[in-house]
């Protein structure tokens, strides 16, 4: 684009950010830094699980597990807020090793002082399945997960004879979205639940003529299932990659 600099590559675009309020700032800041006008329009809200008892019980027996798996920064946040002593427990001898689904989850763990043993190149549950391929039958894994989360990792590990204890760490609630969003050129979706909540409340017609940008293959699959055409998909499921993909797409528009 003639006259466009790196810091203004998204200038003139209004970009819808549909992440939960507490997760929106990183994406909004990155988009704003490239000149975009950001419209924060959360479609889902995150809250605690119906009961903390399974999580509390698992944390009290943390030494029984060989691995602790996190698949989102929000899972890390909920876990450490509920169990402030988790950091010390994870740096103790004989503590379980920690696996993170991607760089953002790993960053959330490290910022809280927790060691991360594995971050797969393929930053999805599929990547974790491959990264944990060497686990022997009978190995115990603790997986704090949002209610209704993907089952792929659990199913693949259980099929190999690994014992996986899934404990609810949060639940996602679709917001009613009674008010239509302000004008936008681009809609970003960082999770299948955020996309499904938007489509349920506003319909696919609200995305007609818009650029739909998704954070990775899992969200892309949800978009296709909902009948939504995808314009941009991040190379890796991270805020940095999503913003870079949008900038790259904009540059091709001439």
C-alpha atoms as a PDB file:
ATOM      1  CA  UNK A   1       0.000   0.000   0.000  1.00  0.00           C
ATOM      2  CA  UNK A   2       1.523   3.309  -1.125  1.00  0.00           C
ATOM      3  CA  UNK A   3       2.603   5.525   1.755  1.00  0.00           C
ATOM      4  CA  UNK A   4       1.854   2.937   4.429  1.00  0.00           C
ATOM      5  CA  UNK A   5       4.439   2.347   7.152  1.00  0.00           C
ATOM      6  CA  UNK A   6       4.796  -0.626   9.481  1.00  0.00           C
ATOM      7  CA  UNK A   7       3.098   1.324  12.254  1.00  0.00           C
ATOM      8  CA  UNK A   8       0.126   2.317  10.107  1.00  0.00           C
ATOM      9  CA  UNK A   9      -0.428  -0.843   8.083  1.00  0.00           C
ATOM     10  CA  UNK A  10      -3.962  -1.256   9.470  1.00  0.00           C
ATOM     11  CA  UNK A  11      -4.872   2.442   9.404  1.00  0.00           C
ATOM     12  CA  UNK A  12      -8.429   3.105   8.270  1.00  0.00           C
ATOM     13  CA  UNK A  13      -9.679  -0.311   9.350  1.00  0.00           C
ATOM     14  CA  UNK A  14     -12.130  -0.809  12.205  1.00  0.00           C
ATOM     15  CA  UNK A  15     -11.407  -4.180  13.789  1.00  0.00           C
ATOM     16  CA  UNK A  16     -13.859  -6.029  15.999  1.00  0.00           C
ATOM     17  CA  UNK A  17     -12.274  -7.800  18.998  1.00  0.00           C
ATOM     18  CA  UNK A  18     -14.602 -10.487  20.338  1.00  0.00           C
ATOM     19  CA  UNK A  19     -12.437 -11.882  23.123  1.00  0.00           C
ATOM     20  CA  UNK A  20     -13.665 -11.789  26.746  1.00  0.00           C
ATOM     21  CA  UNK A  21     -13.078  -8.428  28.413  1.00  0.00           C
ATOM     22  CA  UNK A  22     -10.133  -9.632  30.493  1.00  0.00           C
ATOM     23  CA  UNK A  23      -8.406 -11.091  27.399  1.00  0.00           C
ATOM     24  CA  UNK A  24      -9.035  -8.281  24.925  1.00  0.00           C
ATOM     25  CA  UNK A  25      -6.274  -5.838  25.843  1.00  0.00           C
ATOM     26  CA  UNK A  26      -3.290  -7.610  24.258  1.00  0.00           C
ATOM     27  CA  UNK A  27      -5.004  -7.961  20.895  1.00  0.00           C
ATOM     28  CA  UNK A  28      -6.467  -4.444  21.059  1.00  0.00           C
ATOM     29  CA  UNK A  29      -3.064  -2.940  21.861  1.00  0.00           C
ATOM     30  CA  UNK A  30      -1.332  -4.817  19.037  1.00  0.00           C
ATOM     31  CA  UNK A  31      -3.983  -3.741  16.525  1.00  0.00           C
ATOM     32  CA  UNK A  32      -3.900  -0.131  17.700  1.00  0.00           C
ATOM     33  CA  UNK A  33      -0.113  -0.078  17.341  1.00  0.00           C
ATOM     34  CA  UNK A  34      -0.602  -0.720  13.609  1.00  0.00           C
ATOM     35  CA  UNK A  35      -3.124   2.067  13.241  1.00  0.00           C
ATOM     36  CA  UNK A  36      -6.378   0.113  13.464  1.00  0.00           C
ATOM     37  CA  UNK A  37      -9.470   1.480  15.152  1.00  0.00           C
ATOM     38  CA  UNK A  38     -10.403  -1.200  17.662  1.00  0.00           C
ATOM     39  CA  UNK A  39     -13.991  -2.030  18.541  1.00  0.00           C
ATOM     40  CA  UNK A  40     -14.099  -4.167  21.689  1.00  0.00           C
ATOM     41  CA  UNK A  41     -17.210  -6.344  21.460  1.00  0.00           C
ATOM     42  CA  UNK A  42     -16.913  -9.384  23.746  1.00  0.00           C
ATOM     43  CA  UNK A  43     -19.169 -12.239  22.714  1.00  0.00           C
ATOM     44  CA  UNK A  44     -18.386 -14.541  25.636  1.00  0.00           C
ATOM     45  CA  UNK A  45     -17.598 -14.228  29.329  1.00  0.00           C
ATOM     46  CA  UNK A  46     -15.439 -16.503  31.447  1.00  0.00           C
ATOM     47  CA  UNK A  47     -16.332 -17.529  34.971  1.00  0.00           C
ATOM     48  CA  UNK A  48     -15.408 -20.119  37.599  1.00  0.00           C
ATOM     49  CA  UNK A  49     -16.594 -23.723  37.326  1.00  0.00           C
ATOM     50  CA  UNK A  50     -19.790 -24.875  39.066  1.00  0.00           C
ATOM     51  CA  UNK A  51     -17.633 -26.487  41.766  1.00  0.00           C
ATOM     52  CA  UNK A  52     -13.984 -26.156  42.726  1.00  0.00           C
ATOM     53  CA  UNK A  53     -13.959 -29.476  44.576  1.00  0.00           C
ATOM     54  CA  UNK A  54     -12.406 -31.613  41.773  1.00  0.00           C
ATOM     55  CA  UNK A  55      -9.655 -29.051  41.163  1.00  0.00           C
ATOM     56  CA  UNK A  56      -8.939 -28.604  44.878  1.00  0.00           C
ATOM     57  CA  UNK A  57      -8.753 -32.352  45.376  1.00  0.00           C
ATOM     58  CA  UNK A  58      -6.375 -32.786  42.433  1.00  0.00           C
ATOM     59  CA  UNK A  59      -4.070 -29.968  43.568  1.00  0.00           C
ATOM     60  CA  UNK A  60      -3.895 -31.478  47.061  1.00  0.00           C
ATOM     61  CA  UNK A  61      -2.575 -34.674  45.433  1.00  0.00           C
ATOM     62  CA  UNK A  62      -0.359 -32.984  42.835  1.00  0.00           C
ATOM     63  CA  UNK A  63       2.519 -35.367  43.517  1.00  0.00           C
ATOM     64  CA  UNK A  64       0.444 -38.217  42.094  1.00  0.00           C
ATOM     65  CA  UNK A  65       0.719 -36.762  38.601  1.00  0.00           C
ATOM     66  CA  UNK A  66       3.580 -36.904  36.121  1.00  0.00           C
ATOM     67  CA  UNK A  67       2.244 -34.056  33.962  1.00  0.00           C
ATOM     68  CA  UNK A  68       0.065 -30.985  34.343  1.00  0.00           C
ATOM     69  CA  UNK A  69      -1.386 -29.673  31.075  1.00  0.00           C
ATOM     70  CA  UNK A  70      -2.670 -26.179  30.334  1.00  0.00           C
ATOM     71  CA  UNK A  71      -4.372 -25.289  27.064  1.00  0.00           C
ATOM     72  CA  UNK A  72      -5.158 -21.593  27.590  1.00  0.00           C
ATOM     73  CA  UNK A  73      -3.893 -18.534  29.475  1.00  0.00           C
ATOM     74  CA  UNK A  74      -7.291 -18.263  31.163  1.00  0.00           C
ATOM     75  CA  UNK A  75      -6.882 -21.770  32.601  1.00  0.00           C
ATOM     76  CA  UNK A  76      -3.556 -20.654  34.052  1.00  0.00           C
ATOM     77  CA  UNK A  77      -5.147 -17.559  35.559  1.00  0.00           C
ATOM     78  CA  UNK A  78      -8.059 -19.413  37.137  1.00  0.00           C
ATOM     79  CA  UNK A  79      -5.765 -22.140  38.478  1.00  0.00           C
ATOM     80  CA  UNK A  80      -3.283 -19.772  40.094  1.00  0.00           C
ATOM     81  CA  UNK A  81      -5.985 -17.535  41.545  1.00  0.00           C
ATOM     82  CA  UNK A  82      -7.666 -20.552  43.101  1.00  0.00           C
ATOM     83  CA  UNK A  83      -4.396 -22.174  44.251  1.00  0.00           C
ATOM     84  CA  UNK A  84      -1.847 -19.434  45.067  1.00  0.00           C
ATOM     85  CA  UNK A  85       0.629 -22.074  46.235  1.00  0.00           C
ATOM     86  CA  UNK A  86       0.705 -23.791  42.845  1.00  0.00           C
ATOM     87  CA  UNK A  87       3.925 -22.061  41.788  1.00  0.00           C
ATOM     88  CA  UNK A  88       5.850 -23.341  44.797  1.00  0.00           C
ATOM     89  CA  UNK A  89       4.363 -26.793  44.369  1.00  0.00           C
ATOM     90  CA  UNK A  90       5.522 -26.966  40.751  1.00  0.00           C
ATOM     91  CA  UNK A  91       9.139 -26.069  41.496  1.00  0.00           C
ATOM     92  CA  UNK A  92       9.391 -28.642  44.281  1.00  0.00           C
ATOM     93  CA  UNK A  93      11.212 -31.957  43.775  1.00  0.00           C
ATOM     94  CA  UNK A  94       9.009 -34.671  42.259  1.00  0.00           C
ATOM     95  CA  UNK A  95       6.507 -32.090  41.020  1.00  0.00           C
ATOM     96  CA  UNK A  96       4.710 -32.886  37.765  1.00  0.00           C
ATOM     97  CA  UNK A  97       6.153 -31.437  34.575  1.00  0.00           C
ATOM     98  CA  UNK A  98       4.097 -28.763  32.877  1.00  0.00           C
ATOM     99  CA  UNK A  99       2.966 -28.767  29.244  1.00  0.00           C
ATOM    100  CA  UNK A 100       1.530 -25.650  27.577  1.00  0.00           C
ATOM    101  CA  UNK A 101      -0.422 -25.726  24.338  1.00  0.00           C
ATOM    102  CA  UNK A 102       1.278 -22.638  22.897  1.00  0.00           C
ATOM    103  CA  UNK A 103       3.430 -19.594  23.455  1.00  0.00           C
ATOM    104  CA  UNK A 104       0.705 -17.456  25.033  1.00  0.00           C
ATOM    105  CA  UNK A 105      -0.145 -20.155  27.573  1.00  0.00           C
ATOM    106  CA  UNK A 106       3.547 -20.724  28.251  1.00  0.00           C
ATOM    107  CA  UNK A 107       4.048 -16.990  28.771  1.00  0.00           C
ATOM    108  CA  UNK A 108       1.188 -16.882  31.279  1.00  0.00           C
ATOM    109  CA  UNK A 109       2.814 -19.728  33.212  1.00  0.00           C
ATOM    110  CA  UNK A 110       6.319 -18.242  33.179  1.00  0.00           C
ATOM    111  CA  UNK A 111       5.060 -14.824  34.213  1.00  0.00           C
ATOM    112  CA  UNK A 112       3.739 -16.544  37.336  1.00  0.00           C
ATOM    113  CA  UNK A 113       7.080 -18.248  37.979  1.00  0.00           C
ATOM    114  CA  UNK A 114       6.081 -21.715  36.844  1.00  0.00           C
ATOM    115  CA  UNK A 115       8.407 -23.885  34.755  1.00  0.00           C
ATOM    116  CA  UNK A 116       7.259 -25.114  31.344  1.00  0.00           C
ATOM    117  CA  UNK A 117       8.702 -28.349  30.001  1.00  0.00           C
ATOM    118  CA  UNK A 118       6.882 -28.603  26.663  1.00  0.00           C
ATOM    119  CA  UNK A 119       5.451 -26.144  24.158  1.00  0.00           C
ATOM    120  CA  UNK A 120       4.681 -27.918  20.868  1.00  0.00           C
ATOM    121  CA  UNK A 121       5.436 -26.346  17.495  1.00  0.00           C
ATOM    122  CA  UNK A 122       1.855 -27.108  16.466  1.00  0.00           C
ATOM    123  CA  UNK A 123       0.124 -24.926  19.032  1.00  0.00           C
ATOM    124  CA  UNK A 124      -3.072 -26.947  19.279  1.00  0.00           C
ATOM    125  CA  UNK A 125      -4.170 -30.023  21.180  1.00  0.00           C
ATOM    126  CA  UNK A 126      -2.952 -32.011  18.175  1.00  0.00           C
ATOM    127  CA  UNK A 127       0.536 -30.697  18.875  1.00  0.00           C
ATOM    128  CA  UNK A 128       0.341 -31.688  22.527  1.00  0.00           C
ATOM    129  CA  UNK A 129      -0.727 -35.190  21.527  1.00  0.00           C
ATOM    130  CA  UNK A 130       2.445 -35.522  19.452  1.00  0.00           C
ATOM    131  CA  UNK A 131       4.641 -33.863  22.090  1.00  0.00           C
ATOM    132  CA  UNK A 132       3.420 -36.286  24.755  1.00  0.00           C
ATOM    133  CA  UNK A 133       3.792 -39.290  22.478  1.00  0.00           C
ATOM    134  CA  UNK A 134       6.388 -40.950  24.719  1.00  0.00           C
ATOM    135  CA  UNK A 135       4.113 -41.209  27.764  1.00  0.00           C
ATOM    136  CA  UNK A 136       3.818 -44.800  28.866  1.00  0.00           C
ATOM    137  CA  UNK A 137       0.552 -46.524  29.808  1.00  0.00           C
ATOM    138  CA  UNK A 138      -0.431 -45.754  33.385  1.00  0.00           C
ATOM    139  CA  UNK A 139       1.174 -42.296  33.388  1.00  0.00           C
ATOM    140  CA  UNK A 140      -1.086 -39.857  35.224  1.00  0.00           C
ATOM    141  CA  UNK A 141      -1.879 -36.469  33.706  1.00  0.00           C
ATOM    142  CA  UNK A 142      -3.853 -33.631  35.290  1.00  0.00           C
ATOM    143  CA  UNK A 143      -5.769 -31.481  32.823  1.00  0.00           C
ATOM    144  CA  UNK A 144      -7.589 -28.397  34.202  1.00  0.00           C
ATOM    145  CA  UNK A 145      -9.994 -27.558  31.384  1.00  0.00           C
ATOM    146  CA  UNK A 146     -12.902 -25.238  30.630  1.00  0.00           C
ATOM    147  CA  UNK A 147     -16.242 -27.019  30.725  1.00  0.00           C
ATOM    148  CA  UNK A 148     -17.163 -28.155  27.232  1.00  0.00           C
ATOM    149  CA  UNK A 149     -13.596 -27.897  25.954  1.00  0.00           C
ATOM    150  CA  UNK A 150     -12.145 -30.038  23.164  1.00  0.00           C
ATOM    151  CA  UNK A 151     -11.805 -33.740  23.911  1.00  0.00           C
ATOM    152  CA  UNK A 152      -9.123 -34.568  21.349  1.00  0.00           C
ATOM    153  CA  UNK A 153      -6.159 -34.538  23.758  1.00  0.00           C
ATOM    154  CA  UNK A 154      -7.958 -36.571  26.405  1.00  0.00           C
ATOM    155  CA  UNK A 155      -9.221 -39.151  23.934  1.00  0.00           C
ATOM    156  CA  UNK A 156      -5.815 -39.577  22.278  1.00  0.00           C
ATOM    157  CA  UNK A 157      -3.947 -40.012  25.574  1.00  0.00           C
ATOM    158  CA  UNK A 158      -6.534 -42.368  27.073  1.00  0.00           C
ATOM    159  CA  UNK A 159      -6.339 -44.478  23.913  1.00  0.00           C
ATOM    160  CA  UNK A 160      -2.632 -44.956  24.684  1.00  0.00           C
ATOM    161  CA  UNK A 161      -3.387 -46.078  28.231  1.00  0.00           C
ATOM    162  CA  UNK A 162      -2.506 -42.770  29.879  1.00  0.00           C
ATOM    163  CA  UNK A 163      -4.672 -41.850  32.886  1.00  0.00           C
ATOM    164  CA  UNK A 164      -6.058 -38.331  32.393  1.00  0.00           C
ATOM    165  CA  UNK A 165      -7.910 -36.552  35.189  1.00  0.00           C
ATOM    166  CA  UNK A 166      -9.910 -33.685  33.682  1.00  0.00           C
ATOM    167  CA  UNK A 167     -11.005 -31.123  36.286  1.00  0.00           C
ATOM    168  CA  UNK A 168     -13.188 -28.102  35.477  1.00  0.00           C
ATOM    169  CA  UNK A 169     -11.257 -24.844  35.768  1.00  0.00           C
ATOM    170  CA  UNK A 170     -13.761 -22.426  34.206  1.00  0.00           C
ATOM    171  CA  UNK A 171     -16.887 -22.195  32.145  1.00  0.00           C
ATOM    172  CA  UNK A 172     -17.701 -20.047  29.158  1.00  0.00           C
ATOM    173  CA  UNK A 173     -20.975 -18.174  28.851  1.00  0.00           C
ATOM    174  CA  UNK A 174     -22.249 -16.743  25.584  1.00  0.00           C
ATOM    175  CA  UNK A 175     -23.322 -13.120  25.951  1.00  0.00           C
ATOM    176  CA  UNK A 176     -26.760 -12.119  24.620  1.00  0.00           C
ATOM    177  CA  UNK A 177     -25.390  -9.370  22.315  1.00  0.00           C
ATOM    178  CA  UNK A 178     -28.697  -7.526  22.255  1.00  0.00           C
ATOM    179  CA  UNK A 179     -27.049  -4.468  20.701  1.00  0.00           C
ATOM    180  CA  UNK A 180     -25.480  -4.803  17.276  1.00  0.00           C
ATOM    181  CA  UNK A 181     -21.773  -3.992  17.124  1.00  0.00           C
ATOM    182  CA  UNK A 182     -20.650  -0.590  15.847  1.00  0.00           C
ATOM    183  CA  UNK A 183     -19.416  -0.463  12.256  1.00  0.00           C
ATOM    184  CA  UNK A 184     -16.410  -2.684  11.577  1.00  0.00           C
ATOM    185  CA  UNK A 185     -14.363  -3.804   8.579  1.00  0.00           C
ATOM    186  CA  UNK A 186     -12.792  -6.862  10.187  1.00  0.00           C
ATOM    187  CA  UNK A 187     -14.053  -9.309  12.797  1.00  0.00           C
ATOM    188  CA  UNK A 188     -11.455 -11.253  14.788  1.00  0.00           C
ATOM    189  CA  UNK A 189     -12.268 -14.504  16.536  1.00  0.00           C
ATOM    190  CA  UNK A 190      -9.794 -16.138  18.928  1.00  0.00           C
ATOM    191  CA  UNK A 191     -11.860 -19.181  19.889  1.00  0.00           C
ATOM    192  CA  UNK A 192     -14.672 -21.337  18.498  1.00  0.00           C
ATOM    193  CA  UNK A 193     -16.921 -20.306  21.395  1.00  0.00           C
ATOM    194  CA  UNK A 194     -16.499 -16.600  20.612  1.00  0.00           C
ATOM    195  CA  UNK A 195     -17.404 -17.188  16.984  1.00  0.00           C
ATOM    196  CA  UNK A 196     -20.380 -19.413  17.753  1.00  0.00           C
ATOM    197  CA  UNK A 197     -21.715 -16.874  20.271  1.00  0.00           C
ATOM    198  CA  UNK A 198     -21.521 -14.104  17.664  1.00  0.00           C
ATOM    199  CA  UNK A 199     -23.285 -16.154  14.991  1.00  0.00           C
ATOM    200  CA  UNK A 200     -25.973 -17.362  17.392  1.00  0.00           C
ATOM    201  CA  UNK A 201     -26.799 -13.834  18.534  1.00  0.00           C
ATOM    202  CA  UNK A 202     -26.270 -11.777  15.367  1.00  0.00           C
ATOM    203  CA  UNK A 203     -26.396 -14.313  12.519  1.00  0.00           C
ATOM    204  CA  UNK A 204     -23.955 -14.895   9.674  1.00  0.00           C
ATOM    205  CA  UNK A 205     -25.423 -11.959   7.717  1.00  0.00           C
ATOM    206  CA  UNK A 206     -23.716  -9.590  10.172  1.00  0.00           C
ATOM    207  CA  UNK A 207     -20.414 -10.797   8.706  1.00  0.00           C
ATOM    208  CA  UNK A 208     -21.351 -10.400   5.047  1.00  0.00           C
ATOM    209  CA  UNK A 209     -18.849  -8.176   3.280  1.00  0.00           C
ATOM    210  CA  UNK A 210     -16.498  -8.212   6.279  1.00  0.00           C
ATOM    211  CA  UNK A 211     -13.049  -9.740   6.610  1.00  0.00           C
ATOM    212  CA  UNK A 212     -13.224 -12.587   9.109  1.00  0.00           C
ATOM    213  CA  UNK A 213      -9.900 -13.312  10.809  1.00  0.00           C
ATOM    214  CA  UNK A 214      -9.433 -16.397  12.985  1.00  0.00           C
ATOM    215  CA  UNK A 215      -6.604 -17.325  15.309  1.00  0.00           C
ATOM    216  CA  UNK A 216      -6.089 -20.888  14.092  1.00  0.00           C
ATOM    217  CA  UNK A 217      -7.421 -24.085  12.528  1.00  0.00           C
ATOM    218  CA  UNK A 218      -9.760 -24.961  15.407  1.00  0.00           C
ATOM    219  CA  UNK A 219     -11.578 -21.635  15.174  1.00  0.00           C
ATOM    220  CA  UNK A 220     -11.486 -21.881  11.372  1.00  0.00           C
ATOM    221  CA  UNK A 221     -13.274 -25.232  11.557  1.00  0.00           C
ATOM    222  CA  UNK A 222     -15.978 -23.683  13.752  1.00  0.00           C
ATOM    223  CA  UNK A 223     -16.371 -20.855  11.245  1.00  0.00           C
ATOM    224  CA  UNK A 224     -16.777 -23.220   8.324  1.00  0.00           C
ATOM    225  CA  UNK A 225     -19.300 -25.293  10.284  1.00  0.00           C
ATOM    226  CA  UNK A 226     -21.310 -22.121  10.918  1.00  0.00           C
ATOM    227  CA  UNK A 227     -21.218 -21.140   7.257  1.00  0.00           C
ATOM    228  CA  UNK A 228     -18.806 -18.239   7.758  1.00  0.00           C
ATOM    229  CA  UNK A 229     -16.221 -17.496   5.072  1.00  0.00           C
ATOM    230  CA  UNK A 230     -12.691 -17.020   6.425  1.00  0.00           C
ATOM    231  CA  UNK A 231     -10.547 -14.237   5.036  1.00  0.00           C
ATOM    232  CA  UNK A 232      -7.477 -14.517   7.272  1.00  0.00           C
ATOM    233  CA  UNK A 233      -6.046 -17.265   9.479  1.00  0.00           C
ATOM    234  CA  UNK A 234      -3.015 -16.844  11.714  1.00  0.00           C
ATOM    235  CA  UNK A 235      -0.008 -19.055  11.015  1.00  0.00           C
ATOM    236  CA  UNK A 236       0.136 -19.888  14.739  1.00  0.00           C
ATOM    237  CA  UNK A 237      -2.641 -19.480  17.319  1.00  0.00           C
ATOM    238  CA  UNK A 238      -1.286 -16.343  18.994  1.00  0.00           C
ATOM    239  CA  UNK A 239      -2.124 -12.651  19.123  1.00  0.00           C
ATOM    240  CA  UNK A 240       1.168 -11.780  17.412  1.00  0.00           C
ATOM    241  CA  UNK A 241       0.524 -14.171  14.529  1.00  0.00           C
ATOM    242  CA  UNK A 242      -3.077 -13.035  14.127  1.00  0.00           C
ATOM    243  CA  UNK A 243      -2.101  -9.372  13.885  1.00  0.00           C
ATOM    244  CA  UNK A 244       0.751 -10.198  11.500  1.00  0.00           C
ATOM    245  CA  UNK A 245      -1.643 -12.162   9.299  1.00  0.00           C
ATOM    246  CA  UNK A 246      -4.040  -9.218   9.174  1.00  0.00           C
ATOM    247  CA  UNK A 247      -1.232  -6.825   8.265  1.00  0.00           C
ATOM    248  CA  UNK A 248      -0.052  -9.208   5.551  1.00  0.00           C
ATOM    249  CA  UNK A 249      -3.560  -9.517   4.158  1.00  0.00           C
ATOM    250  CA  UNK A 250      -4.018  -5.751   4.129  1.00  0.00           C
ATOM    251  CA  UNK A 251      -0.745  -5.336   2.242  1.00  0.00           C
ATOM    252  CA  UNK A 252      -2.024  -7.572  -0.569  1.00  0.00           C
ATOM    253  CA  UNK A 253      -5.008  -5.287  -1.126  1.00  0.00           C
ATOM    254  CA  UNK A 254      -2.826  -2.739  -2.906  1.00  0.00           C
END
